[in-house]
Amino acid sequence: MQHGATAMPSVTDPATFEQRAQTFQMLPGETLAGILAAYDTVAKHTDDLIRTLPDLDASQPLPAAPWFESGVRWSARRVLLHLGAETSQHAGHADIIREAIDGTKSMG
């Protein structure tokens, strides 16, 4: 199992970027129940990971991506704040649809 930035594939390659983009779509054969079950699994894994953190100031380099500056590191604290902000930003409303239409980002 890979950890840290190496666990995330580089999205600088157009084919890899497209493959990653498809993870944000409900594809043929997928069900809402399956997607929610997968979300629950990731949430449990995230909770388990948080419980094992030695310190919220522990940091990791960010993976290579066009939206991150090269060499930037984020602390666990910043990642958790970002997860909370992103979840609250998109949960229960159509902000993600608006972003897809007009391209304007209200966060990050």
C-alpha atoms as a PDB file:
ATOM      1  CA  MET A   1       0.000   0.000   0.000  1.00  0.00           C
ATOM      2  CA  GLN A   2       1.287   3.434  -0.921  1.00  0.00           C
ATOM      3  CA  HIS A   3       1.085   6.344   1.492  1.00  0.00           C
ATOM      4  CA  GLY A   4       1.239  10.128   1.215  1.00  0.00           C
ATOM      5  CA  ALA A   5       1.492  11.857  -2.122  1.00  0.00           C
ATOM      6  CA  THR A   6       2.615   8.637  -3.839  1.00  0.00           C
ATOM      7  CA  ALA A   7      -0.823   7.105  -3.132  1.00  0.00           C
ATOM      8  CA  MET A   8      -2.385   9.602  -5.544  1.00  0.00           C
ATOM      9  CA  PRO A   9      -1.742   9.148  -9.249  1.00  0.00           C
ATOM     10  CA  SER A  10      -0.364  12.194 -11.028  1.00  0.00           C
ATOM     11  CA  VAL A  11      -3.110  14.013 -12.912  1.00  0.00           C
ATOM     12  CA  THR A  12      -0.741  15.934 -15.134  1.00  0.00           C
ATOM     13  CA  ASP A  13      -1.229  13.235 -17.805  1.00  0.00           C
ATOM     14  CA  PRO A  14      -4.481  13.963 -19.731  1.00  0.00           C
ATOM     15  CA  ALA A  15      -5.577  10.294 -19.733  1.00  0.00           C
ATOM     16  CA  THR A  16      -5.082  10.004 -15.971  1.00  0.00           C
ATOM     17  CA  PHE A  17      -6.879  13.319 -15.458  1.00  0.00           C
ATOM     18  CA  GLU A  18      -9.872  12.042 -17.468  1.00  0.00           C
ATOM     19  CA  GLN A  19      -9.894   8.784 -15.523  1.00  0.00           C
ATOM     20  CA  ARG A  20      -9.913  10.745 -12.242  1.00  0.00           C
ATOM     21  CA  ALA A  21     -12.664  13.039 -13.537  1.00  0.00           C
ATOM     22  CA  GLN A  22     -14.857   9.987 -14.146  1.00  0.00           C
ATOM     23  CA  THR A  23     -14.723   9.181 -10.422  1.00  0.00           C
ATOM     24  CA  PHE A  24     -16.915  12.263  -9.913  1.00  0.00           C
ATOM     25  CA  GLN A  25     -19.631  10.874 -12.213  1.00  0.00           C
ATOM     26  CA  MET A  26     -22.272   8.236 -11.677  1.00  0.00           C
ATOM     27  CA  LEU A  27     -21.367   5.776 -14.412  1.00  0.00           C
ATOM     28  CA  PRO A  28     -23.569   3.167 -16.117  1.00  0.00           C
ATOM     29  CA  GLY A  29     -24.041   0.182 -13.817  1.00  0.00           C
ATOM     30  CA  GLU A  30     -23.472   2.183 -10.630  1.00  0.00           C
ATOM     31  CA  THR A  31     -26.282   2.671  -8.137  1.00  0.00           C
ATOM     32  CA  LEU A  32     -26.928   5.348  -5.551  1.00  0.00           C
ATOM     33  CA  ALA A  33     -26.860   2.651  -2.862  1.00  0.00           C
ATOM     34  CA  GLY A  34     -23.433   1.508  -4.076  1.00  0.00           C
ATOM     35  CA  ILE A  35     -22.054   5.030  -4.163  1.00  0.00           C
ATOM     36  CA  LEU A  36     -23.343   5.747  -0.642  1.00  0.00           C
ATOM     37  CA  ALA A  37     -21.846   2.462   0.611  1.00  0.00           C
ATOM     38  CA  ALA A  38     -18.487   3.400  -0.918  1.00  0.00           C
ATOM     39  CA  TYR A  39     -18.724   6.839   0.737  1.00  0.00           C
ATOM     40  CA  ASP A  40     -19.402   5.156   4.099  1.00  0.00           C
ATOM     41  CA  THR A  41     -16.354   2.923   3.620  1.00  0.00           C
ATOM     42  CA  VAL A  42     -14.091   5.887   2.860  1.00  0.00           C
ATOM     43  CA  ALA A  43     -15.560   7.843   5.801  1.00  0.00           C
ATOM     44  CA  LYS A  44     -14.816   4.935   8.163  1.00  0.00           C
ATOM     45  CA  HIS A  45     -11.268   4.684   6.807  1.00  0.00           C
ATOM     46  CA  THR A  46     -10.844   8.446   7.306  1.00  0.00           C
ATOM     47  CA  ASP A  47     -12.125   8.198  10.900  1.00  0.00           C
ATOM     48  CA  ASP A  48      -9.709   5.321  11.601  1.00  0.00           C
ATOM     49  CA  LEU A  49      -6.824   7.297  10.094  1.00  0.00           C
ATOM     50  CA  ILE A  50      -7.629  10.382  12.184  1.00  0.00           C
ATOM     51  CA  ARG A  51      -7.642   8.281  15.363  1.00  0.00           C
ATOM     52  CA  THR A  52      -4.099   7.074  14.612  1.00  0.00           C
ATOM     53  CA  LEU A  53      -2.565  10.476  13.852  1.00  0.00           C
ATOM     54  CA  PRO A  54       0.235  11.242  16.281  1.00  0.00           C
ATOM     55  CA  ASP A  55      -0.283  14.969  15.871  1.00  0.00           C
ATOM     56  CA  LEU A  56      -2.538  17.252  13.811  1.00  0.00           C
ATOM     57  CA  ASP A  57       0.568  19.174  12.774  1.00  0.00           C
ATOM     58  CA  ALA A  58       1.950  16.086  10.978  1.00  0.00           C
ATOM     59  CA  SER A  59       2.314  17.013   7.318  1.00  0.00           C
ATOM     60  CA  GLN A  60       2.655  15.377   3.928  1.00  0.00           C
ATOM     61  CA  PRO A  61       3.625  16.762   0.535  1.00  0.00           C
ATOM     62  CA  LEU A  62       0.682  17.240  -1.792  1.00  0.00           C
ATOM     63  CA  PRO A  63       0.503  15.100  -4.940  1.00  0.00           C
ATOM     64  CA  ALA A  64       1.456  16.618  -8.281  1.00  0.00           C
ATOM     65  CA  ALA A  65      -1.625  18.347  -9.676  1.00  0.00           C
ATOM     66  CA  PRO A  66      -2.246  21.514 -11.669  1.00  0.00           C
ATOM     67  CA  TRP A  67      -4.183  23.036  -8.762  1.00  0.00           C
ATOM     68  CA  PHE A  68      -1.356  22.622  -6.179  1.00  0.00           C
ATOM     69  CA  GLU A  69       1.873  24.590  -6.065  1.00  0.00           C
ATOM     70  CA  SER A  70       4.934  22.389  -6.449  1.00  0.00           C
ATOM     71  CA  GLY A  71       6.467  21.241  -3.171  1.00  0.00           C
ATOM     72  CA  VAL A  72       3.581  22.351  -0.941  1.00  0.00           C
ATOM     73  CA  ARG A  73       2.888  20.401   2.249  1.00  0.00           C
ATOM     74  CA  TRP A  74      -0.367  20.369   4.196  1.00  0.00           C
ATOM     75  CA  SER A  75      -0.731  19.469   7.843  1.00  0.00           C
ATOM     76  CA  ALA A  76      -3.333  16.930   8.929  1.00  0.00           C
ATOM     77  CA  ARG A  77      -5.157  19.841  10.569  1.00  0.00           C
ATOM     78  CA  ARG A  78      -5.391  21.713   7.247  1.00  0.00           C
ATOM     79  CA  VAL A  79      -6.565  18.592   5.410  1.00  0.00           C
ATOM     80  CA  LEU A  80      -9.322  17.994   7.980  1.00  0.00           C
ATOM     81  CA  LEU A  81     -10.452  21.619   7.796  1.00  0.00           C
ATOM     82  CA  HIS A  82     -10.451  21.369   3.989  1.00  0.00           C
ATOM     83  CA  LEU A  83     -12.527  18.153   4.074  1.00  0.00           C
ATOM     84  CA  GLY A  84     -15.069  19.782   6.373  1.00  0.00           C
ATOM     85  CA  ALA A  85     -15.246  22.924   4.246  1.00  0.00           C
ATOM     86  CA  GLU A  86     -15.612  20.967   0.987  1.00  0.00           C
ATOM     87  CA  THR A  87     -18.294  18.686   2.445  1.00  0.00           C
ATOM     88  CA  SER A  88     -20.317  21.584   3.812  1.00  0.00           C
ATOM     89  CA  GLN A  89     -19.822  23.547   0.591  1.00  0.00           C
ATOM     90  CA  HIS A  90     -21.275  20.802  -1.594  1.00  0.00           C
ATOM     91  CA  ALA A  91     -23.649  18.844   0.654  1.00  0.00           C
ATOM     92  CA  GLY A  92     -27.351  19.347   0.139  1.00  0.00           C
ATOM     93  CA  HIS A  93     -27.278  21.957  -2.614  1.00  0.00           C
ATOM     94  CA  ALA A  94     -26.472  22.436  -6.256  1.00  0.00           C
ATOM     95  CA  ASP A  95     -23.187  24.314  -5.927  1.00  0.00           C
ATOM     96  CA  ILE A  96     -21.261  21.555  -7.698  1.00  0.00           C
ATOM     97  CA  ILE A  97     -23.686  21.767 -10.635  1.00  0.00           C
ATOM     98  CA  ARG A  98     -23.231  25.534 -10.827  1.00  0.00           C
ATOM     99  CA  GLU A  99     -19.454  25.073 -10.801  1.00  0.00           C
ATOM    100  CA  ALA A 100     -19.766  22.593 -13.676  1.00  0.00           C
ATOM    101  CA  ILE A 101     -21.832  25.101 -15.663  1.00  0.00           C
ATOM    102  CA  ASP A 102     -19.995  28.374 -15.089  1.00  0.00           C
ATOM    103  CA  GLY A 103     -16.568  27.143 -13.967  1.00  0.00           C
ATOM    104  CA  THR A 104     -16.442  29.595 -11.066  1.00  0.00           C
ATOM    105  CA  LYS A 105     -15.009  28.150  -7.862  1.00  0.00           C
ATOM    106  CA  SER A 106     -16.091  29.588  -4.551  1.00  0.00           C
ATOM    107  CA  MET A 107     -13.435  27.667  -2.589  1.00  0.00           C
ATOM    108  CA  GLY A 108      -9.845  26.582  -3.211  1.00  0.00           C
END
